[in-house]
């Protein structure tokens, strides 16, 4: 399919459009996006995703343990069945402030209710800081995050 398949006829008096689904397919197909998607799938297929998931959950579990040892509240089980995500709160530093402090040190985290307001209401909190780990993250990066959190705690708490 190429550009122009949505038009049946064009005249000075007017235009008529295809009556089937082609009338919604104006312009060139998303060729670049399809090529990019194919490359992304090729890259993802280089991983043993089960082993990678275990590696990432181990990293998240380690980070959670370290944060608990620093006196932070950590939410979630961090078991093999979970995503490699650590949601936490510092006892004295606001989550938004924590995110800004980490951002200034090169670490991207999310803050807020993470579309889980009923759970957060039940826990009696308004939001958390969330660090997520994926195939492009290393143990060294997680160690760096923990190091920065320790320094932030020492400096600001």
N, C-alpha and C. Protein backbone atom coordinates (compact mmCIF):
# COMPACT_ATOMS: atom_id res chain seq x y z
N UNK A 1 0.85 -1.16 0.00
CA UNK A 1 0.00 0.00 0.00
C UNK A 1 0.90 1.23 0.00
N UNK A 2 0.53 2.22 -0.75
CA UNK A 2 1.30 3.45 -0.81
C UNK A 2 0.43 4.65 -0.55
N UNK A 3 1.03 5.81 -0.61
CA UNK A 3 0.31 7.06 -0.40
C UNK A 3 -0.82 7.22 -1.40
N UNK A 4 -1.90 7.85 -0.98
CA UNK A 4 -3.01 8.14 -1.88
C UNK A 4 -4.08 7.08 -1.96
N UNK A 5 -3.95 5.98 -1.24
CA UNK A 5 -4.94 4.91 -1.32
C UNK A 5 -6.27 5.26 -0.66
N UNK A 6 -6.34 6.38 0.04
CA UNK A 6 -7.61 6.72 0.67
C UNK A 6 -8.57 7.39 -0.30
N UNK A 7 -8.06 7.91 -1.41
CA UNK A 7 -8.87 8.64 -2.39
C UNK A 7 -9.29 7.68 -3.50
N UNK A 8 -10.57 7.73 -3.83
CA UNK A 8 -11.05 6.98 -4.99
C UNK A 8 -10.92 7.84 -6.25
N UNK A 9 -11.47 9.06 -6.20
CA UNK A 9 -11.36 9.99 -7.33
C UNK A 9 -11.23 11.42 -6.83
N UNK A 10 -10.55 12.25 -7.64
CA UNK A 10 -10.45 13.68 -7.36
C UNK A 10 -10.80 14.41 -8.63
N UNK A 11 -11.76 15.34 -8.53
CA UNK A 11 -12.14 16.19 -9.66
C UNK A 11 -12.27 17.62 -9.15
N UNK A 12 -12.46 18.56 -10.07
CA UNK A 12 -12.67 19.95 -9.68
C UNK A 12 -13.92 20.07 -8.83
N UNK A 13 -14.91 19.25 -9.11
CA UNK A 13 -16.18 19.33 -8.39
C UNK A 13 -16.10 18.70 -7.00
N UNK A 14 -15.18 17.82 -6.75
CA UNK A 14 -15.12 17.17 -5.44
C UNK A 14 -14.29 15.91 -5.46
N UNK A 15 -14.28 15.24 -4.34
CA UNK A 15 -13.51 14.01 -4.18
C UNK A 15 -14.40 12.91 -3.63
N UNK A 16 -14.06 11.68 -3.96
CA UNK A 16 -14.71 10.54 -3.34
C UNK A 16 -13.62 9.69 -2.69
N UNK A 17 -13.99 9.09 -1.58
CA UNK A 17 -13.03 8.33 -0.80
C UNK A 17 -13.35 6.85 -0.86
N UNK A 18 -12.35 6.05 -0.58
CA UNK A 18 -12.56 4.60 -0.50
C UNK A 18 -13.67 4.33 0.52
N UNK A 19 -14.40 3.27 0.31
CA UNK A 19 -15.48 2.94 1.24
C UNK A 19 -15.04 1.92 2.29
N UNK A 20 -13.89 1.33 2.10
CA UNK A 20 -13.42 0.33 3.07
C UNK A 20 -12.40 0.96 4.02
N UNK A 21 -11.66 0.11 4.71
CA UNK A 21 -10.70 0.61 5.70
C UNK A 21 -9.58 1.45 5.09
N UNK A 22 -9.37 1.39 3.79
CA UNK A 22 -8.32 2.17 3.15
C UNK A 22 -8.54 3.68 3.26
N UNK A 23 -9.78 4.09 3.48
CA UNK A 23 -10.04 5.53 3.60
C UNK A 23 -9.36 6.12 4.84
N UNK A 24 -8.94 5.27 5.75
CA UNK A 24 -8.26 5.75 6.96
C UNK A 24 -6.74 5.67 6.85
N UNK A 25 -6.24 5.25 5.71
CA UNK A 25 -4.81 5.00 5.55
C UNK A 25 -4.13 6.03 4.67
N UNK A 26 -4.26 7.29 5.00
CA UNK A 26 -3.64 8.34 4.19
C UNK A 26 -2.12 8.33 4.36
N UNK A 27 -1.44 8.68 3.31
CA UNK A 27 0.01 8.88 3.39
C UNK A 27 0.81 7.60 3.33
N UNK A 28 2.09 7.78 3.55
CA UNK A 28 3.04 6.68 3.49
C UNK A 28 2.96 5.84 4.76
N UNK A 29 3.01 4.53 4.63
CA UNK A 29 3.01 3.69 5.83
C UNK A 29 4.21 4.03 6.72
N UNK A 30 4.14 3.66 7.95
CA UNK A 30 5.19 3.97 8.93
C UNK A 30 6.38 3.02 8.76
N UNK A 31 7.09 3.22 7.67
CA UNK A 31 8.20 2.35 7.32
C UNK A 31 9.34 2.48 8.33
N UNK A 32 9.73 3.70 8.64
CA UNK A 32 10.84 3.91 9.58
C UNK A 32 10.52 3.29 10.94
N UNK A 33 9.28 3.44 11.40
CA UNK A 33 8.89 2.87 12.68
C UNK A 33 8.95 1.35 12.65
N UNK A 34 8.53 0.75 11.54
CA UNK A 34 8.58 -0.70 11.41
C UNK A 34 10.02 -1.20 11.42
N UNK A 35 10.91 -0.49 10.75
CA UNK A 35 12.33 -0.88 10.75
C UNK A 35 12.91 -0.74 12.15
N UNK A 36 12.58 0.35 12.83
CA UNK A 36 13.05 0.54 14.21
C UNK A 36 12.53 -0.53 15.14
N UNK A 37 11.26 -0.86 15.00
CA UNK A 37 10.65 -1.92 15.82
C UNK A 37 11.35 -3.25 15.57
N UNK A 38 11.65 -3.54 14.31
CA UNK A 38 12.35 -4.78 13.97
C UNK A 38 13.73 -4.82 14.62
N UNK A 39 14.45 -3.70 14.57
CA UNK A 39 15.78 -3.65 15.20
C UNK A 39 15.67 -3.83 16.71
N UNK A 40 14.66 -3.24 17.32
CA UNK A 40 14.47 -3.39 18.77
C UNK A 40 14.18 -4.84 19.12
N UNK A 41 13.35 -5.50 18.32
CA UNK A 41 13.05 -6.92 18.57
C UNK A 41 14.29 -7.78 18.39
N UNK A 42 15.08 -7.49 17.35
CA UNK A 42 16.34 -8.22 17.16
C UNK A 42 17.23 -8.08 18.38
N UNK A 43 17.35 -6.85 18.91
CA UNK A 43 18.19 -6.62 20.08
C UNK A 43 17.64 -7.37 21.29
N UNK A 44 16.32 -7.30 21.51
CA UNK A 44 15.73 -7.99 22.65
C UNK A 44 15.90 -9.51 22.56
N UNK A 45 15.92 -10.02 21.34
CA UNK A 45 16.09 -11.47 21.16
C UNK A 45 17.50 -11.94 21.45
N UNK A 46 18.43 -11.02 21.69
CA UNK A 46 19.80 -11.43 22.07
C UNK A 46 19.88 -11.78 23.55
N UNK A 47 18.83 -11.49 24.31
CA UNK A 47 18.83 -11.74 25.74
C UNK A 47 18.11 -13.03 26.08
N UNK A 48 18.60 -13.69 27.12
CA UNK A 48 17.84 -14.75 27.77
C UNK A 48 16.97 -14.02 28.78
N UNK A 49 15.72 -13.77 28.42
CA UNK A 49 14.87 -12.90 29.22
C UNK A 49 14.60 -13.45 30.62
N UNK A 50 14.56 -14.76 30.78
CA UNK A 50 14.37 -15.33 32.13
C UNK A 50 15.58 -15.04 33.00
N UNK A 51 16.77 -15.26 32.45
CA UNK A 51 17.99 -14.96 33.21
C UNK A 51 18.11 -13.47 33.49
N UNK A 52 17.73 -12.67 32.51
CA UNK A 52 17.80 -11.22 32.68
C UNK A 52 16.83 -10.75 33.75
N UNK A 53 15.64 -11.34 33.77
CA UNK A 53 14.67 -10.98 34.81
C UNK A 53 15.23 -11.32 36.19
N UNK A 54 15.82 -12.49 36.33
CA UNK A 54 16.42 -12.87 37.62
C UNK A 54 17.51 -11.90 38.03
N UNK A 55 18.35 -11.51 37.09
CA UNK A 55 19.44 -10.56 37.37
C UNK A 55 18.86 -9.24 37.88
N UNK A 56 17.82 -8.76 37.21
CA UNK A 56 17.24 -7.47 37.58
C UNK A 56 16.50 -7.53 38.90
N UNK A 57 15.80 -8.61 39.17
CA UNK A 57 15.12 -8.75 40.46
C UNK A 57 16.15 -8.83 41.58
N UNK A 58 17.28 -9.49 41.33
CA UNK A 58 18.35 -9.54 42.34
C UNK A 58 18.89 -8.14 42.62
N UNK A 59 19.06 -7.35 41.58
CA UNK A 59 19.52 -5.96 41.76
C UNK A 59 18.50 -5.19 42.59
N UNK A 60 17.23 -5.28 42.21
CA UNK A 60 16.18 -4.55 42.93
C UNK A 60 16.10 -5.00 44.38
N UNK A 61 16.22 -6.29 44.63
CA UNK A 61 16.18 -6.81 46.00
C UNK A 61 17.34 -6.27 46.82
N UNK A 62 18.52 -6.23 46.21
CA UNK A 62 19.69 -5.69 46.90
C UNK A 62 19.49 -4.21 47.23
N UNK A 63 19.00 -3.43 46.26
CA UNK A 63 18.74 -2.01 46.50
C UNK A 63 17.73 -1.85 47.63
N UNK A 64 16.67 -2.64 47.62
CA UNK A 64 15.65 -2.55 48.67
C UNK A 64 16.25 -2.82 50.04
N UNK A 65 17.11 -3.84 50.14
CA UNK A 65 17.76 -4.15 51.42
C UNK A 65 18.64 -2.99 51.89
N UNK A 66 19.39 -2.42 50.97
CA UNK A 66 20.26 -1.29 51.31
C UNK A 66 19.45 -0.09 51.79
N UNK A 67 18.33 0.18 51.14
CA UNK A 67 17.51 1.32 51.54
C UNK A 67 16.88 1.09 52.90
N UNK A 68 16.43 -0.13 53.16
CA UNK A 68 15.89 -0.45 54.49
C UNK A 68 16.96 -0.23 55.56
N UNK A 69 18.18 -0.66 55.26
CA UNK A 69 19.29 -0.49 56.21
C UNK A 69 19.58 0.98 56.49
N UNK A 70 19.23 1.86 55.54
CA UNK A 70 19.41 3.30 55.74
C UNK A 70 18.23 3.94 56.45
N UNK A 71 17.22 3.14 56.80
CA UNK A 71 16.07 3.66 57.51
C UNK A 71 14.93 4.14 56.62
N UNK A 72 14.98 3.79 55.36
CA UNK A 72 13.90 4.18 54.46
C UNK A 72 12.78 3.15 54.49
N UNK A 73 11.57 3.60 54.21
CA UNK A 73 10.44 2.69 54.04
C UNK A 73 10.47 2.19 52.61
N UNK A 74 10.46 0.87 52.45
CA UNK A 74 10.49 0.25 51.13
C UNK A 74 9.21 -0.55 50.97
N UNK A 75 8.57 -0.40 49.82
CA UNK A 75 7.27 -1.03 49.57
C UNK A 75 7.42 -2.11 48.51
N UNK A 76 6.78 -3.25 48.73
CA UNK A 76 6.82 -4.35 47.77
C UNK A 76 7.60 -5.53 48.32
N UNK A 77 7.41 -6.68 47.66
CA UNK A 77 8.03 -7.93 48.12
C UNK A 77 9.42 -8.13 47.56
N UNK A 78 9.63 -7.77 46.31
CA UNK A 78 10.90 -7.97 45.60
C UNK A 78 11.25 -9.45 45.51
N UNK A 79 10.28 -10.23 45.07
CA UNK A 79 10.50 -11.66 44.87
C UNK A 79 10.70 -11.93 43.39
N UNK A 80 11.01 -13.16 43.08
CA UNK A 80 11.29 -13.56 41.69
C UNK A 80 10.10 -13.31 40.76
N UNK A 81 8.89 -13.26 41.31
CA UNK A 81 7.70 -13.04 40.49
C UNK A 81 7.40 -11.57 40.22
N UNK A 82 8.19 -10.68 40.79
CA UNK A 82 7.90 -9.26 40.70
C UNK A 82 8.74 -8.57 39.64
N UNK A 83 8.34 -7.36 39.33
CA UNK A 83 9.13 -6.51 38.44
C UNK A 83 10.33 -5.97 39.22
N UNK A 84 11.34 -5.54 38.50
CA UNK A 84 12.55 -5.00 39.12
C UNK A 84 12.35 -3.52 39.43
N UNK A 85 11.49 -3.27 40.39
CA UNK A 85 11.10 -1.91 40.76
C UNK A 85 11.21 -1.78 42.28
N UNK A 86 11.74 -0.64 42.72
CA UNK A 86 11.84 -0.38 44.16
C UNK A 86 11.14 0.95 44.44
N UNK A 87 10.07 0.88 45.21
CA UNK A 87 9.36 2.09 45.65
C UNK A 87 9.73 2.35 47.09
N UNK A 88 10.10 3.60 47.38
CA UNK A 88 10.59 3.90 48.72
C UNK A 88 10.27 5.33 49.13
N UNK A 89 10.37 5.56 50.44
CA UNK A 89 10.23 6.90 51.01
C UNK A 89 11.33 7.11 52.04
N UNK A 90 11.92 8.27 52.00
CA UNK A 90 12.89 8.67 53.02
C UNK A 90 12.10 9.20 54.21
N UNK A 91 12.55 8.96 55.43
CA UNK A 91 11.77 9.41 56.59
C UNK A 91 11.65 10.92 56.74
N UNK A 92 12.60 11.69 56.18
CA UNK A 92 12.54 13.14 56.36
C UNK A 92 12.62 13.95 55.07
N UNK A 93 12.97 13.32 53.97
CA UNK A 93 13.11 14.05 52.70
C UNK A 93 11.91 13.76 51.82
N UNK A 94 11.20 14.80 51.43
CA UNK A 94 10.04 14.71 50.55
C UNK A 94 10.41 13.97 49.26
N UNK A 95 9.49 13.18 48.72
CA UNK A 95 9.78 12.38 47.53
C UNK A 95 10.13 13.24 46.32
N UNK A 96 9.45 14.36 46.14
CA UNK A 96 9.78 15.26 45.02
C UNK A 96 11.19 15.83 45.18
N UNK A 97 11.53 16.23 46.40
CA UNK A 97 12.88 16.75 46.65
C UNK A 97 13.92 15.66 46.39
N UNK A 98 13.62 14.45 46.83
CA UNK A 98 14.54 13.34 46.60
C UNK A 98 14.76 13.12 45.11
N UNK A 99 13.70 13.18 44.34
CA UNK A 99 13.82 12.99 42.88
C UNK A 99 14.70 14.08 42.27
N UNK A 100 14.53 15.32 42.70
CA UNK A 100 15.36 16.42 42.18
C UNK A 100 16.82 16.23 42.57
N UNK A 101 17.07 15.81 43.80
CA UNK A 101 18.44 15.58 44.25
C UNK A 101 19.09 14.45 43.46
N UNK A 102 18.35 13.38 43.21
CA UNK A 102 18.89 12.27 42.41
C UNK A 102 19.09 12.68 40.96
N UNK A 103 18.16 13.44 40.42
CA UNK A 103 18.28 13.90 39.04
C UNK A 103 19.56 14.73 38.87
N UNK A 104 19.85 15.58 39.82
CA UNK A 104 21.06 16.40 39.75
C UNK A 104 22.33 15.55 39.79
N UNK A 105 22.19 14.31 40.26
CA UNK A 105 23.33 13.39 40.32
C UNK A 105 23.30 12.36 39.20
N UNK A 106 22.38 12.53 38.26
CA UNK A 106 22.34 11.66 37.09
C UNK A 106 21.47 10.43 37.20
N UNK A 107 20.57 10.39 38.17
CA UNK A 107 19.70 9.23 38.34
C UNK A 107 18.25 9.63 38.11
N UNK A 108 17.59 8.94 37.22
CA UNK A 108 16.19 9.22 36.89
C UNK A 108 15.29 8.28 37.69
N UNK A 109 14.41 8.87 38.47
CA UNK A 109 13.41 8.11 39.22
C UNK A 109 12.06 8.76 38.98
N UNK A 110 11.02 8.07 39.34
CA UNK A 110 9.67 8.62 39.23
C UNK A 110 9.14 8.86 40.64
N UNK A 111 8.25 9.84 40.76
CA UNK A 111 7.61 10.08 42.04
C UNK A 111 6.10 10.20 41.83
N UNK A 112 5.38 10.09 42.91
CA UNK A 112 3.94 10.27 42.83
C UNK A 112 3.19 9.03 43.26
N UNK A 113 1.95 8.94 42.78
CA UNK A 113 1.09 7.83 43.20
C UNK A 113 1.16 6.64 42.26
N UNK A 114 1.81 6.77 41.13
CA UNK A 114 2.06 5.66 40.19
C UNK A 114 0.77 4.90 39.84
N UNK A 115 -0.32 5.62 39.73
CA UNK A 115 -1.63 5.04 39.39
C UNK A 115 -2.07 3.98 40.40
N UNK A 116 -1.64 4.13 41.64
CA UNK A 116 -1.99 3.16 42.68
C UNK A 116 -2.56 3.86 43.90
N UNK A 117 -3.39 4.87 43.67
CA UNK A 117 -3.92 5.66 44.77
C UNK A 117 -4.67 4.85 45.82
N UNK A 118 -5.50 3.86 45.45
CA UNK A 118 -6.17 3.09 46.51
C UNK A 118 -5.17 2.39 47.44
N UNK A 119 -4.12 1.83 46.88
CA UNK A 119 -3.10 1.17 47.71
C UNK A 119 -2.39 2.19 48.59
N UNK A 120 -1.99 3.31 48.01
CA UNK A 120 -1.28 4.33 48.79
C UNK A 120 -2.17 4.89 49.89
N UNK A 121 -3.45 5.08 49.60
CA UNK A 121 -4.38 5.52 50.64
C UNK A 121 -4.44 4.51 51.78
N UNK A 122 -4.48 3.25 51.42
CA UNK A 122 -4.51 2.18 52.43
C UNK A 122 -3.24 2.19 53.28
N UNK A 123 -2.10 2.50 52.63
CA UNK A 123 -0.82 2.55 53.35
C UNK A 123 -0.64 3.86 54.11
N UNK A 124 -1.51 4.83 53.84
CA UNK A 124 -1.43 6.11 54.53
C UNK A 124 -0.33 7.02 54.02
N UNK A 125 0.01 6.87 52.75
CA UNK A 125 1.04 7.72 52.14
C UNK A 125 0.48 8.32 50.86
N UNK A 126 1.06 9.43 50.43
CA UNK A 126 0.54 10.10 49.22
C UNK A 126 1.32 9.75 47.97
N UNK A 127 2.49 9.18 48.12
CA UNK A 127 3.29 8.81 46.96
C UNK A 127 4.62 8.24 47.41
N UNK A 128 5.38 7.77 46.44
CA UNK A 128 6.70 7.21 46.72
C UNK A 128 7.69 7.69 45.66
N UNK A 129 8.94 7.37 45.90
CA UNK A 129 9.98 7.48 44.87
C UNK A 129 10.11 6.07 44.30
N UNK A 130 10.19 5.96 42.98
CA UNK A 130 10.28 4.64 42.35
C UNK A 130 11.49 4.57 41.45
N UNK A 131 12.35 3.61 41.72
CA UNK A 131 13.49 3.31 40.85
C UNK A 131 13.17 2.02 40.11
N UNK A 132 13.34 2.04 38.80
CA UNK A 132 13.05 0.86 37.98
C UNK A 132 14.32 0.42 37.28
N UNK A 133 14.50 -0.89 37.16
CA UNK A 133 15.68 -1.45 36.52
C UNK A 133 15.26 -2.28 35.32
N UNK A 134 16.05 -2.20 34.24
CA UNK A 134 15.76 -2.96 33.03
C UNK A 134 17.06 -3.45 32.41
N UNK A 135 16.97 -4.11 31.27
CA UNK A 135 18.11 -4.81 30.69
C UNK A 135 19.32 -3.92 30.45
N UNK A 136 19.13 -2.63 30.32
CA UNK A 136 20.24 -1.73 30.06
C UNK A 136 20.88 -1.23 31.36
N UNK A 137 20.36 -1.62 32.52
CA UNK A 137 20.94 -1.20 33.79
C UNK A 137 21.94 -2.23 34.31
N UNK A 138 22.96 -1.74 34.99
CA UNK A 138 23.99 -2.61 35.54
C UNK A 138 23.95 -2.59 37.07
N UNK A 139 24.60 -3.57 37.66
CA UNK A 139 24.74 -3.61 39.12
C UNK A 139 25.50 -2.37 39.60
N UNK A 140 26.50 -1.96 38.82
CA UNK A 140 27.29 -0.78 39.19
C UNK A 140 26.42 0.47 39.25
N UNK A 141 25.47 0.59 38.35
CA UNK A 141 24.55 1.74 38.39
C UNK A 141 23.69 1.69 39.64
N UNK A 142 23.23 0.50 40.00
CA UNK A 142 22.43 0.36 41.22
C UNK A 142 23.27 0.70 42.45
N UNK A 143 24.52 0.27 42.45
CA UNK A 143 25.42 0.62 43.56
C UNK A 143 25.63 2.13 43.62
N UNK A 144 25.74 2.77 42.46
CA UNK A 144 25.87 4.22 42.42
C UNK A 144 24.64 4.92 42.98
N UNK A 145 23.47 4.40 42.65
CA UNK A 145 22.22 4.97 43.18
C UNK A 145 22.21 4.89 44.70
N UNK A 146 22.57 3.73 45.23
CA UNK A 146 22.60 3.56 46.69
C UNK A 146 23.62 4.50 47.32
N UNK A 147 24.78 4.63 46.70
CA UNK A 147 25.82 5.54 47.20
C UNK A 147 25.29 6.98 47.25
N UNK A 148 24.62 7.40 46.18
CA UNK A 148 24.07 8.76 46.15
C UNK A 148 22.99 8.94 47.21
N UNK A 149 22.17 7.94 47.42
CA UNK A 149 21.13 8.03 48.44
C UNK A 149 21.74 8.14 49.84
N UNK A 150 22.84 7.41 50.06
CA UNK A 150 23.53 7.53 51.35
C UNK A 150 24.08 8.94 51.54
N UNK A 151 24.69 9.49 50.48
CA UNK A 151 25.25 10.84 50.58
C UNK A 151 24.15 11.88 50.78
N UNK A 152 23.04 11.72 50.07
CA UNK A 152 21.92 12.65 50.23
C UNK A 152 21.40 12.59 51.66
N UNK A 153 21.26 11.38 52.19
CA UNK A 153 20.77 11.21 53.55
C UNK A 153 21.70 11.88 54.55
N UNK A 154 23.00 11.67 54.38
CA UNK A 154 23.97 12.29 55.30
C UNK A 154 23.93 13.81 55.22
N UNK A 155 23.74 14.34 54.02
CA UNK A 155 23.81 15.78 53.83
C UNK A 155 22.52 16.51 54.21
N UNK A 156 21.37 15.91 53.91
CA UNK A 156 20.10 16.63 54.04
C UNK A 156 19.18 16.15 55.15
N UNK A 157 19.42 15.00 55.69
CA UNK A 157 18.48 14.47 56.70
C UNK A 157 18.86 14.89 58.10
